Protein backbone atom coordinates (compact mmCIF):
# COMPACT_ATOMS: atom_id res chain seq x y z
CA MET A 1 2.68 -11.55 -42.58
CA ASP A 2 4.89 -11.04 -45.15
CA ARG A 3 9.28 -11.47 -43.16
CA ILE A 4 11.74 -8.50 -42.49
CA THR A 5 14.65 -8.59 -44.35
CA SER A 6 17.76 -6.66 -44.57
CA ASP A 7 18.40 -8.17 -48.43
CA PRO A 8 19.60 -4.97 -49.29
CA SER A 9 17.99 -4.79 -52.83
CA MET A 10 14.13 -5.91 -51.56
CA LEU A 11 14.99 -3.08 -48.91
CA LYS A 12 16.08 -0.83 -52.14
CA SER A 13 12.63 -1.66 -53.43
CA ILE A 14 10.76 -0.99 -51.38
CA GLY A 15 12.16 2.84 -49.93
CA LEU A 16 13.55 1.49 -47.41
CA LYS A 17 17.03 2.05 -46.21
CA ARG A 18 19.37 -0.59 -44.51
CA TYR A 19 20.09 0.02 -40.42
CA GLU A 20 21.49 -1.91 -37.65
CA ALA A 21 19.59 -2.27 -34.61
CA ASN A 22 21.73 -1.27 -31.04
CA LYS A 23 23.38 1.28 -32.51
CA PRO A 24 23.73 5.24 -30.98
CA VAL A 25 20.80 7.71 -33.09
CA LYS A 26 23.51 10.06 -34.58
CA ASN A 27 21.48 13.51 -35.04
CA ARG A 28 22.05 15.34 -38.40
CA GLU A 29 22.70 18.93 -38.23
CA LYS A 30 20.30 20.92 -40.12
CA GLU A 31 23.17 24.10 -41.73
CA GLY A 32 25.91 20.94 -42.01
CA ASN A 33 24.12 17.86 -42.66
CA THR A 34 27.03 16.33 -41.10
CA SER A 35 26.51 13.68 -38.47
CA SER A 36 26.99 13.92 -34.35
CA GLU A 37 26.47 12.45 -31.38
CA LYS A 38 25.06 14.32 -28.92
CA GLN A 39 26.82 14.37 -25.54
CA ASP A 40 25.11 14.91 -22.47
CA ALA A 41 26.71 16.19 -19.64
CA VAL A 42 25.61 16.70 -15.41
CA SER A 43 27.63 18.89 -12.90
CA ILE A 44 27.02 18.42 -9.65
CA SER A 45 27.66 21.70 -7.25
CA GLN A 46 29.73 21.32 -4.17
CA GLU A 47 26.54 22.28 -1.96
CA SER A 48 25.04 19.35 -3.40
CA ARG A 49 27.75 16.63 -2.95
CA ILE A 50 28.46 17.76 0.32
CA PHE A 51 24.44 17.68 1.39
CA SER A 52 25.17 13.90 -0.03
CA GLU A 53 27.81 12.67 1.56
CA LYS A 54 25.41 13.97 5.15
CA ILE A 55 22.60 12.48 3.91
CA GLU A 56 24.38 9.42 3.65
CA ASN A 57 26.22 9.62 7.40
CA LEU A 58 22.85 9.79 9.38
CA LYS A 59 21.66 7.14 6.92
CA ALA A 60 24.69 5.77 8.78
CA ILE A 61 23.35 6.81 12.30
CA VAL A 62 20.14 5.27 11.42
CA LYS A 63 20.59 2.24 10.87
CA ASN A 64 23.23 1.45 13.71
CA GLU A 65 21.17 3.38 15.93
CA VAL A 66 18.74 0.43 14.76
CA SER A 67 20.98 -2.46 14.78
CA ASP A 68 20.98 -1.93 18.22
CA THR A 69 17.70 -1.36 19.31
CA ARG A 70 16.59 -4.53 17.48
CA SER A 71 20.00 -6.76 19.30
CA ALA A 72 18.95 -5.46 22.82
CA LYS A 73 15.37 -6.20 21.76
CA LEU A 74 16.03 -9.56 20.96
CA VAL A 75 18.42 -10.48 24.08
CA GLU A 76 15.31 -9.08 25.85
CA VAL A 77 13.13 -12.22 24.58
CA LYS A 78 15.49 -14.76 24.12
CA GLU A 79 15.71 -14.23 28.07
CA LYS A 80 12.28 -14.81 28.50
CA LEU A 81 12.20 -17.61 26.06
CA GLU A 82 14.84 -19.30 28.41
CA THR A 83 12.87 -18.06 31.71
CA GLY A 84 9.58 -19.19 30.68
CA PHE A 85 7.68 -15.95 30.84
CA TYR A 86 5.82 -16.86 27.64
CA GLU A 87 4.56 -19.83 28.78
CA LYS A 88 2.51 -18.35 31.77
CA GLU A 89 -1.65 -18.19 30.94
CA GLU A 90 -1.83 -14.55 30.98
CA ILE A 91 0.65 -13.39 29.00
CA SER A 92 0.17 -16.18 26.05
CA GLU A 93 -3.39 -14.51 26.01
CA GLU A 94 -2.15 -11.45 25.70
CA VAL A 95 -0.04 -11.65 23.30
CA ALA A 96 -2.74 -14.13 21.73
CA ASP A 97 -5.08 -10.77 21.99
CA LYS A 98 -2.38 -8.77 20.13
CA ILE A 99 -1.63 -11.23 17.21
CA ILE A 100 -5.66 -10.89 16.37
CA ALA A 101 -5.80 -7.44 16.85
CA ALA A 102 -2.64 -6.78 13.98
CA PHE A 103 -4.97 -8.95 11.48
CA LYS A 104 -8.03 -7.09 12.01
CA ASN A 105 -6.77 -4.18 11.68
CA LYS A 106 -4.81 -5.59 8.20
CA ALA A 107 -8.05 -6.40 7.42
């Protein structure tokens, strides 16, 4: 396979024009054959902005509630560990059964 070149004489001989990578592509207008770059625009309504703000507020509330719930659960588990709750045979068997059941459901 031949090596790709940017030598203008070589490109001209095979009928190609030189181009540069990573340059914006310019669109040619049909009538005037002048070049211009396309401009994109996005317009967001006030209703959409309010909706977005409400969603962000709800996310913050849920995050705080989940965090509070997890904190309370962690405190409960730590207390049970410190008091030896999980060292009881019936409790350790129940926990083991729940772990086995969880793995069976995933398989």
